[in-house]
Amino acid sequence: CATTPTPSPSTASRKSPLKRTKSHHDGAVPTLLCLSRAVAASGGKSLPNREVLRAILTQTGDYIAEGTVNRSLPRLVANCFVEVDYSDHRHPKYRPTPFGEKKARLVAFVLDALDHRDDDRPDNDHRDDG
């Protein structure tokens, strides 16, 4: 996986994190997570873009614009989260790298923990103050 050069401190300091729009990386996390799950469900086969879009809609119930996914996939490839099979140049196929799988599992764990964060919380209304 090719690495991208890190910006010099003078270049990085000119970019204000406050000016970065929210949509800068919107779509990358659900794309990686859904791609990982869909590839696992397909027995490890790489998937074309349209199948990635279908997996996102099926798994999350949310619509993410095709353009968002199309911008996310090259970013995920550039950051070594996803690899591309160009055997069919008109319809490249995508699959997570081992690094991408690890990150997808981490995201799934965090999301699951957030979904269940109140499950084991003791009910404070029924305390026995004795």
N, C-alpha and C. Protein backbone atom coordinates (compact mmCIF):
# COMPACT_ATOMS: atom_id res chain seq x y z
N CYS A 1 0.85 -1.18 0.00
CA CYS A 1 0.00 0.00 0.00
C CYS A 1 0.89 1.24 0.00
N ALA A 2 0.65 2.13 -0.91
CA ALA A 2 1.45 3.34 -1.01
C ALA A 2 1.09 4.30 0.11
N THR A 3 2.08 4.94 0.64
CA THR A 3 1.82 5.92 1.69
C THR A 3 1.85 7.31 1.09
N THR A 4 1.07 8.17 1.66
CA THR A 4 1.05 9.55 1.20
C THR A 4 1.96 10.36 2.09
N PRO A 5 2.65 11.33 1.54
CA PRO A 5 3.55 12.13 2.37
C PRO A 5 2.75 12.95 3.38
N THR A 6 3.30 13.08 4.57
CA THR A 6 2.64 13.90 5.57
C THR A 6 2.97 15.36 5.32
N PRO A 7 2.01 16.24 5.54
CA PRO A 7 2.27 17.65 5.28
C PRO A 7 3.30 18.20 6.26
N SER A 8 4.06 19.16 5.79
CA SER A 8 5.04 19.78 6.67
C SER A 8 4.30 20.61 7.72
N PRO A 9 4.92 20.86 8.87
CA PRO A 9 4.24 21.63 9.91
C PRO A 9 3.74 22.98 9.43
N SER A 10 4.50 23.62 8.53
CA SER A 10 4.05 24.93 8.06
C SER A 10 2.79 24.80 7.22
N THR A 11 2.68 23.73 6.42
CA THR A 11 1.48 23.51 5.63
C THR A 11 0.31 23.13 6.51
N ALA A 12 0.56 22.25 7.47
CA ALA A 12 -0.52 21.78 8.35
C ALA A 12 -1.06 22.90 9.21
N SER A 13 -0.19 23.81 9.64
CA SER A 13 -0.65 24.88 10.53
C SER A 13 -1.53 25.89 9.79
N ARG A 14 -1.40 25.96 8.47
CA ARG A 14 -2.23 26.89 7.72
C ARG A 14 -3.67 26.41 7.60
N LYS A 15 -3.90 25.11 7.73
CA LYS A 15 -5.25 24.58 7.62
C LYS A 15 -5.90 24.62 8.99
N SER A 16 -6.99 25.31 9.08
CA SER A 16 -7.71 25.37 10.34
C SER A 16 -8.68 24.21 10.44
N PRO A 17 -8.61 23.42 11.52
CA PRO A 17 -9.55 22.32 11.65
C PRO A 17 -10.99 22.80 11.77
N LEU A 18 -11.19 24.05 12.19
CA LEU A 18 -12.53 24.58 12.32
C LEU A 18 -13.16 24.88 10.97
N LYS A 19 -12.34 25.08 9.95
CA LYS A 19 -12.87 25.40 8.64
C LYS A 19 -13.16 24.16 7.81
N ARG A 20 -12.76 23.00 8.30
CA ARG A 20 -13.03 21.76 7.59
C ARG A 20 -14.52 21.46 7.68
N THR A 21 -15.12 21.16 6.58
CA THR A 21 -16.55 20.89 6.59
C THR A 21 -16.83 19.51 7.15
N LYS A 22 -18.01 19.33 7.68
CA LYS A 22 -18.42 18.06 8.25
C LYS A 22 -18.37 16.95 7.21
N SER A 23 -18.64 17.28 5.96
CA SER A 23 -18.73 16.28 4.92
C SER A 23 -17.37 15.83 4.39
N HIS A 24 -16.28 16.34 4.96
CA HIS A 24 -14.95 16.00 4.48
C HIS A 24 -14.74 14.49 4.40
N HIS A 25 -15.18 13.75 5.40
CA HIS A 25 -15.03 12.29 5.39
C HIS A 25 -16.36 11.58 5.63
N ASP A 26 -17.47 12.26 5.48
CA ASP A 26 -18.76 11.60 5.63
C ASP A 26 -18.85 10.44 4.63
N GLY A 27 -19.31 9.33 5.10
CA GLY A 27 -19.48 8.19 4.24
C GLY A 27 -18.36 7.17 4.32
N ALA A 28 -17.17 7.57 4.74
CA ALA A 28 -16.04 6.63 4.78
C ALA A 28 -16.27 5.54 5.81
N VAL A 29 -16.74 5.89 6.99
CA VAL A 29 -16.93 4.89 8.05
C VAL A 29 -18.05 3.92 7.70
N PRO A 30 -19.25 4.39 7.33
CA PRO A 30 -20.27 3.41 6.96
C PRO A 30 -19.89 2.60 5.73
N THR A 31 -19.15 3.21 4.80
CA THR A 31 -18.72 2.47 3.62
C THR A 31 -17.79 1.34 4.01
N LEU A 32 -16.82 1.61 4.85
CA LEU A 32 -15.88 0.57 5.29
C LEU A 32 -16.59 -0.51 6.09
N LEU A 33 -17.43 -0.11 7.02
CA LEU A 33 -18.12 -1.08 7.87
C LEU A 33 -19.05 -1.97 7.05
N CYS A 34 -19.85 -1.38 6.19
CA CYS A 34 -20.78 -2.17 5.37
C CYS A 34 -20.05 -3.01 4.33
N LEU A 35 -18.98 -2.49 3.76
CA LEU A 35 -18.18 -3.27 2.82
C LEU A 35 -17.60 -4.49 3.51
N SER A 36 -17.08 -4.30 4.71
CA SER A 36 -16.51 -5.41 5.46
C SER A 36 -17.55 -6.50 5.73
N ARG A 37 -18.72 -6.09 6.18
CA ARG A 37 -19.79 -7.05 6.47
C ARG A 37 -20.28 -7.75 5.19
N ALA A 38 -20.42 -6.99 4.11
CA ALA A 38 -20.93 -7.55 2.86
C ALA A 38 -19.93 -8.53 2.24
N VAL A 39 -18.65 -8.21 2.31
CA VAL A 39 -17.62 -9.12 1.79
C VAL A 39 -17.62 -10.41 2.62
N ALA A 40 -17.75 -10.29 3.93
CA ALA A 40 -17.82 -11.48 4.78
C ALA A 40 -19.04 -12.32 4.44
N ALA A 41 -20.18 -11.68 4.21
CA ALA A 41 -21.41 -12.39 3.88
C ALA A 41 -21.33 -13.06 2.50
N SER A 42 -20.51 -12.52 1.62
CA SER A 42 -20.38 -13.08 0.27
C SER A 42 -19.31 -14.16 0.20
N GLY A 43 -18.78 -14.54 1.33
CA GLY A 43 -17.75 -15.57 1.35
C GLY A 43 -16.37 -15.05 1.02
N GLY A 44 -16.17 -13.75 1.19
CA GLY A 44 -14.85 -13.17 0.95
C GLY A 44 -14.64 -12.60 -0.44
N LYS A 45 -15.68 -12.60 -1.27
CA LYS A 45 -15.53 -12.07 -2.63
C LYS A 45 -15.52 -10.53 -2.61
N SER A 46 -14.67 -9.96 -3.44
CA SER A 46 -14.67 -8.51 -3.62
C SER A 46 -15.97 -8.09 -4.28
N LEU A 47 -16.39 -6.85 -3.99
CA LEU A 47 -17.69 -6.39 -4.48
C LEU A 47 -17.55 -5.14 -5.34
N PRO A 48 -18.36 -5.07 -6.42
CA PRO A 48 -18.38 -3.83 -7.21
C PRO A 48 -19.11 -2.72 -6.45
N ASN A 49 -18.93 -1.51 -6.92
CA ASN A 49 -19.49 -0.33 -6.28
C ASN A 49 -20.99 -0.46 -6.03
N ARG A 50 -21.74 -0.93 -7.00
CA ARG A 50 -23.20 -1.02 -6.83
C ARG A 50 -23.57 -1.95 -5.68
N GLU A 51 -22.78 -3.01 -5.47
CA GLU A 51 -23.04 -3.92 -4.35
C GLU A 51 -22.68 -3.26 -3.02
N VAL A 52 -21.67 -2.41 -3.01
CA VAL A 52 -21.32 -1.67 -1.80
C VAL A 52 -22.48 -0.75 -1.43
N LEU A 53 -23.03 -0.05 -2.43
CA LEU A 53 -24.18 0.83 -2.19
C LEU A 53 -25.38 0.05 -1.66
N ARG A 54 -25.64 -1.10 -2.26
CA ARG A 54 -26.75 -1.94 -1.81
C ARG A 54 -26.54 -2.42 -0.38
N ALA A 55 -25.30 -2.77 -0.04
CA ALA A 55 -24.99 -3.24 1.32
C ALA A 55 -25.22 -2.13 2.34
N ILE A 56 -24.85 -0.90 2.00
CA ILE A 56 -25.05 0.21 2.93
C ILE A 56 -26.54 0.41 3.18
N LEU A 57 -27.32 0.41 2.13
CA LEU A 57 -28.77 0.61 2.27
C LEU A 57 -29.41 -0.54 3.05
N THR A 58 -29.01 -1.77 2.74
CA THR A 58 -29.58 -2.95 3.40
C THR A 58 -29.20 -3.01 4.88
N GLN A 59 -27.94 -2.75 5.19
CA GLN A 59 -27.45 -2.92 6.55
C GLN A 59 -27.84 -1.77 7.47
N THR A 60 -27.85 -0.56 6.94
CA THR A 60 -28.11 0.59 7.81
C THR A 60 -29.52 1.14 7.67
N GLY A 61 -30.16 0.87 6.54
CA GLY A 61 -31.47 1.46 6.29
C GLY A 61 -31.36 2.92 5.88
N ASP A 62 -30.13 3.42 5.79
CA ASP A 62 -29.90 4.81 5.41
C ASP A 62 -29.42 4.88 3.97
N TYR A 63 -29.81 5.95 3.31
CA TYR A 63 -29.35 6.21 1.96
C TYR A 63 -28.12 7.08 2.04
N ILE A 64 -27.06 6.64 1.42
CA ILE A 64 -25.87 7.47 1.27
C ILE A 64 -25.69 7.67 -0.23
N ALA A 65 -25.57 8.90 -0.63
CA ALA A 65 -25.49 9.22 -2.05
C ALA A 65 -24.34 8.48 -2.72
N GLU A 66 -24.58 8.06 -3.95
CA GLU A 66 -23.56 7.34 -4.71
C GLU A 66 -22.27 8.14 -4.80
N GLY A 67 -22.39 9.45 -4.97
CA GLY A 67 -21.20 10.29 -5.05
C GLY A 67 -20.38 10.27 -3.77
N THR A 68 -21.06 10.18 -2.64
CA THR A 68 -20.36 10.11 -1.36
C THR A 68 -19.56 8.83 -1.26
N VAL A 69 -20.17 7.72 -1.66
CA VAL A 69 -19.45 6.44 -1.64
C VAL A 69 -18.32 6.47 -2.67
N ASN A 70 -18.57 7.04 -3.83
CA ASN A 70 -17.53 7.13 -4.86
C ASN A 70 -16.34 7.96 -4.41
N ARG A 71 -16.56 8.95 -3.57
CA ARG A 71 -15.45 9.73 -3.02
C ARG A 71 -14.79 9.01 -1.85
N SER A 72 -15.56 8.23 -1.11
CA SER A 72 -15.03 7.52 0.05
C SER A 72 -14.12 6.37 -0.34
N LEU A 73 -14.50 5.62 -1.36
CA LEU A 73 -13.71 4.44 -1.72
C LEU A 73 -12.26 4.77 -2.08
N PRO A 74 -11.99 5.78 -2.93
CA PRO A 74 -10.58 6.10 -3.20
C PRO A 74 -9.83 6.56 -1.94
N ARG A 75 -10.51 7.27 -1.04
CA ARG A 75 -9.87 7.67 0.22
C ARG A 75 -9.52 6.45 1.06
N LEU A 76 -10.45 5.50 1.11
CA LEU A 76 -10.20 4.27 1.87
C LEU A 76 -9.07 3.47 1.24
N VAL A 77 -8.98 3.46 -0.08
CA VAL A 77 -7.88 2.79 -0.77
C VAL A 77 -6.57 3.50 -0.47
N ALA A 78 -6.56 4.82 -0.56
CA ALA A 78 -5.34 5.59 -0.32
C ALA A 78 -4.82 5.43 1.11
N ASN A 79 -5.74 5.18 2.05
CA ASN A 79 -5.34 5.02 3.45
C ASN A 79 -5.17 3.55 3.85
N CYS A 80 -5.11 2.66 2.84
CA CYS A 80 -4.84 1.23 3.04
C CYS A 80 -5.94 0.50 3.81
N PHE A 81 -7.16 1.01 3.79
CA PHE A 81 -8.28 0.31 4.42
C PHE A 81 -8.96 -0.64 3.43
N VAL A 82 -8.86 -0.34 2.14
CA VAL A 82 -9.56 -1.09 1.10
C VAL A 82 -8.60 -1.33 -0.05
N GLU A 83 -8.73 -2.52 -0.68
CA GLU A 83 -7.95 -2.81 -1.89
C GLU A 83 -8.91 -2.97 -3.06
N VAL A 84 -8.38 -2.75 -4.26
CA VAL A 84 -9.21 -2.77 -5.46
C VAL A 84 -8.73 -3.85 -6.42
N ASP A 85 -9.68 -4.56 -6.99
CA ASP A 85 -9.41 -5.54 -8.04
C ASP A 85 -9.86 -4.91 -9.35
N TYR A 86 -8.90 -4.61 -10.23
CA TYR A 86 -9.21 -3.97 -11.51
C TYR A 86 -9.29 -4.97 -12.66
N SER A 87 -9.54 -6.25 -12.39
CA SER A 87 -9.60 -7.25 -13.46
C SER A 87 -10.70 -6.90 -14.47
N ASP A 88 -11.78 -6.29 -14.02
CA ASP A 88 -12.81 -5.74 -14.91
C ASP A 88 -12.69 -4.23 -14.78
N HIS A 89 -11.98 -3.60 -15.72
CA HIS A 89 -11.67 -2.18 -15.59
C HIS A 89 -12.92 -1.30 -15.55
N ARG A 90 -14.04 -1.76 -16.09
CA ARG A 90 -15.27 -0.95 -16.06
C ARG A 90 -15.97 -1.04 -14.71
N HIS A 91 -15.76 -2.14 -14.01
CA HIS A 91 -16.42 -2.37 -12.72
C HIS A 91 -15.41 -2.89 -11.70
N PRO A 92 -14.57 -2.01 -11.18
CA PRO A 92 -13.60 -2.49 -10.19
C PRO A 92 -14.33 -3.04 -8.96
N LYS A 93 -13.68 -3.97 -8.30
CA LYS A 93 -14.26 -4.60 -7.12
C LYS A 93 -13.42 -4.26 -5.90
N TYR A 94 -14.10 -4.10 -4.78
CA TYR A 94 -13.46 -3.63 -3.55
C TYR A 94 -13.59 -4.67 -2.45
N ARG A 95 -12.59 -4.68 -1.59
CA ARG A 95 -12.62 -5.51 -0.39
C ARG A 95 -11.71 -4.86 0.65
N PRO A 96 -12.03 -5.01 1.92
CA PRO A 96 -11.17 -4.44 2.96
C PRO A 96 -9.83 -5.17 3.02
N THR A 97 -8.79 -4.45 3.33
CA THR A 97 -7.50 -5.06 3.62
C THR A 97 -7.56 -5.62 5.04
N PRO A 98 -6.58 -6.40 5.46
CA PRO A 98 -6.58 -6.84 6.86
C PRO A 98 -6.61 -5.66 7.83
N PHE A 99 -5.91 -4.59 7.49
CA PHE A 99 -5.94 -3.37 8.31
C PHE A 99 -7.35 -2.78 8.34
N GLY A 100 -8.01 -2.75 7.18
CA GLY A 100 -9.38 -2.24 7.09
C GLY A 100 -10.35 -3.10 7.87
N GLU A 101 -10.15 -4.42 7.83
CA GLU A 101 -11.00 -5.34 8.62
C GLU A 101 -10.85 -5.05 10.11
N LYS A 102 -9.62 -4.83 10.53
CA LYS A 102 -9.37 -4.53 11.95
C LYS A 102 -10.08 -3.24 12.36
N LYS A 103 -10.00 -2.23 11.52
CA LYS A 103 -10.67 -0.96 11.83
C LYS A 103 -12.18 -1.11 11.78
N ALA A 104 -12.70 -1.90 10.85
CA ALA A 104 -14.15 -2.12 10.77
C ALA A 104 -14.65 -2.83 12.03
N ARG A 105 -13.88 -3.81 12.52
CA ARG A 105 -14.27 -4.50 13.77
C ARG A 105 -14.25 -3.54 14.94
N LEU A 106 -13.27 -2.64 14.97
CA LEU A 106 -13.20 -1.64 16.04
C LEU A 106 -14.41 -0.71 16.00
N VAL A 107 -14.77 -0.25 14.81
CA VAL A 107 -15.93 0.63 14.66
C VAL A 107 -17.20 -0.10 15.09
N ALA A 108 -17.34 -1.35 14.67
CA ALA A 108 -18.52 -2.14 15.05
C ALA A 108 -18.59 -2.31 16.56
N PHE A 109 -17.46 -2.55 17.20
CA PHE A 109 -17.41 -2.69 18.65
C PHE A 109 -17.85 -1.41 19.34
N VAL A 110 -17.32 -0.28 18.89
CA VAL A 110 -17.66 1.01 19.49
C VAL A 110 -19.14 1.32 19.30
N LEU A 111 -19.65 1.11 18.10
CA LEU A 111 -21.07 1.37 17.84
C LEU A 111 -21.96 0.48 18.70
N ASP A 112 -21.58 -0.80 18.84
CA ASP A 112 -22.35 -1.72 19.68
C ASP A 112 -22.31 -1.27 21.14
N ALA A 113 -21.14 -0.85 21.60
CA ALA A 113 -21.01 -0.37 22.98
C ALA A 113 -21.88 0.86 23.21
N LEU A 114 -21.92 1.76 22.23
CA LEU A 114 -22.76 2.96 22.37
C LEU A 114 -24.24 2.60 22.36
N ASP A 115 -24.61 1.63 21.54
CA ASP A 115 -26.01 1.19 21.50
C ASP A 115 -26.46 0.58 22.82
N HIS A 116 -25.54 -0.06 23.54
CA HIS A 116 -25.89 -0.79 24.76
C HIS A 116 -25.32 -0.16 26.02
N ARG A 117 -24.94 1.09 25.96
CA ARG A 117 -24.28 1.71 27.11
C ARG A 117 -25.18 1.83 28.34
N ASP A 118 -26.49 1.84 28.16
CA ASP A 118 -27.40 1.97 29.30
C ASP A 118 -27.97 0.63 29.76
N ASP A 119 -27.61 -0.46 29.09
CA ASP A 119 -28.20 -1.76 29.41
C ASP A 119 -27.90 -2.23 30.83
N ASP A 120 -26.69 -2.02 31.31
CA ASP A 120 -26.30 -2.53 32.63
C ASP A 120 -26.30 -1.47 33.71
N ARG A 121 -26.81 -0.32 33.38
CA ARG A 121 -26.82 0.77 34.35
C ARG A 121 -27.83 0.46 35.46
N PRO A 122 -27.41 0.56 36.72
CA PRO A 122 -28.37 0.30 37.81
C PRO A 122 -29.46 1.36 37.82
N ASP A 123 -30.64 0.94 38.21
CA ASP A 123 -31.78 1.84 38.27
C ASP A 123 -31.68 2.63 39.58
N ASN A 124 -31.43 3.90 39.50
CA ASN A 124 -31.21 4.75 40.69
C ASN A 124 -32.51 5.05 41.43
N ASP A 125 -33.66 4.79 40.83
CA ASP A 125 -34.93 5.10 41.50
C ASP A 125 -35.26 4.11 42.62
N HIS A 126 -34.61 2.95 42.60
CA HIS A 126 -34.95 1.91 43.57
C HIS A 126 -33.81 1.65 44.55
N ARG A 127 -33.03 2.66 44.86
CA ARG A 127 -31.93 2.51 45.81
C ARG A 127 -32.47 2.35 47.22
N ASP A 128 -31.80 1.54 47.97
CA ASP A 128 -32.15 1.37 49.38
C ASP A 128 -31.15 2.18 50.18
N ASP A 129 -31.58 3.36 50.64
CA ASP A 129 -30.68 4.23 51.39
C ASP A 129 -30.59 3.86 52.87
N GLY A 130 -31.29 2.82 53.27
CA GLY A 130 -31.25 2.22 54.58
C GLY A 130 -31.40 3.05 55.71
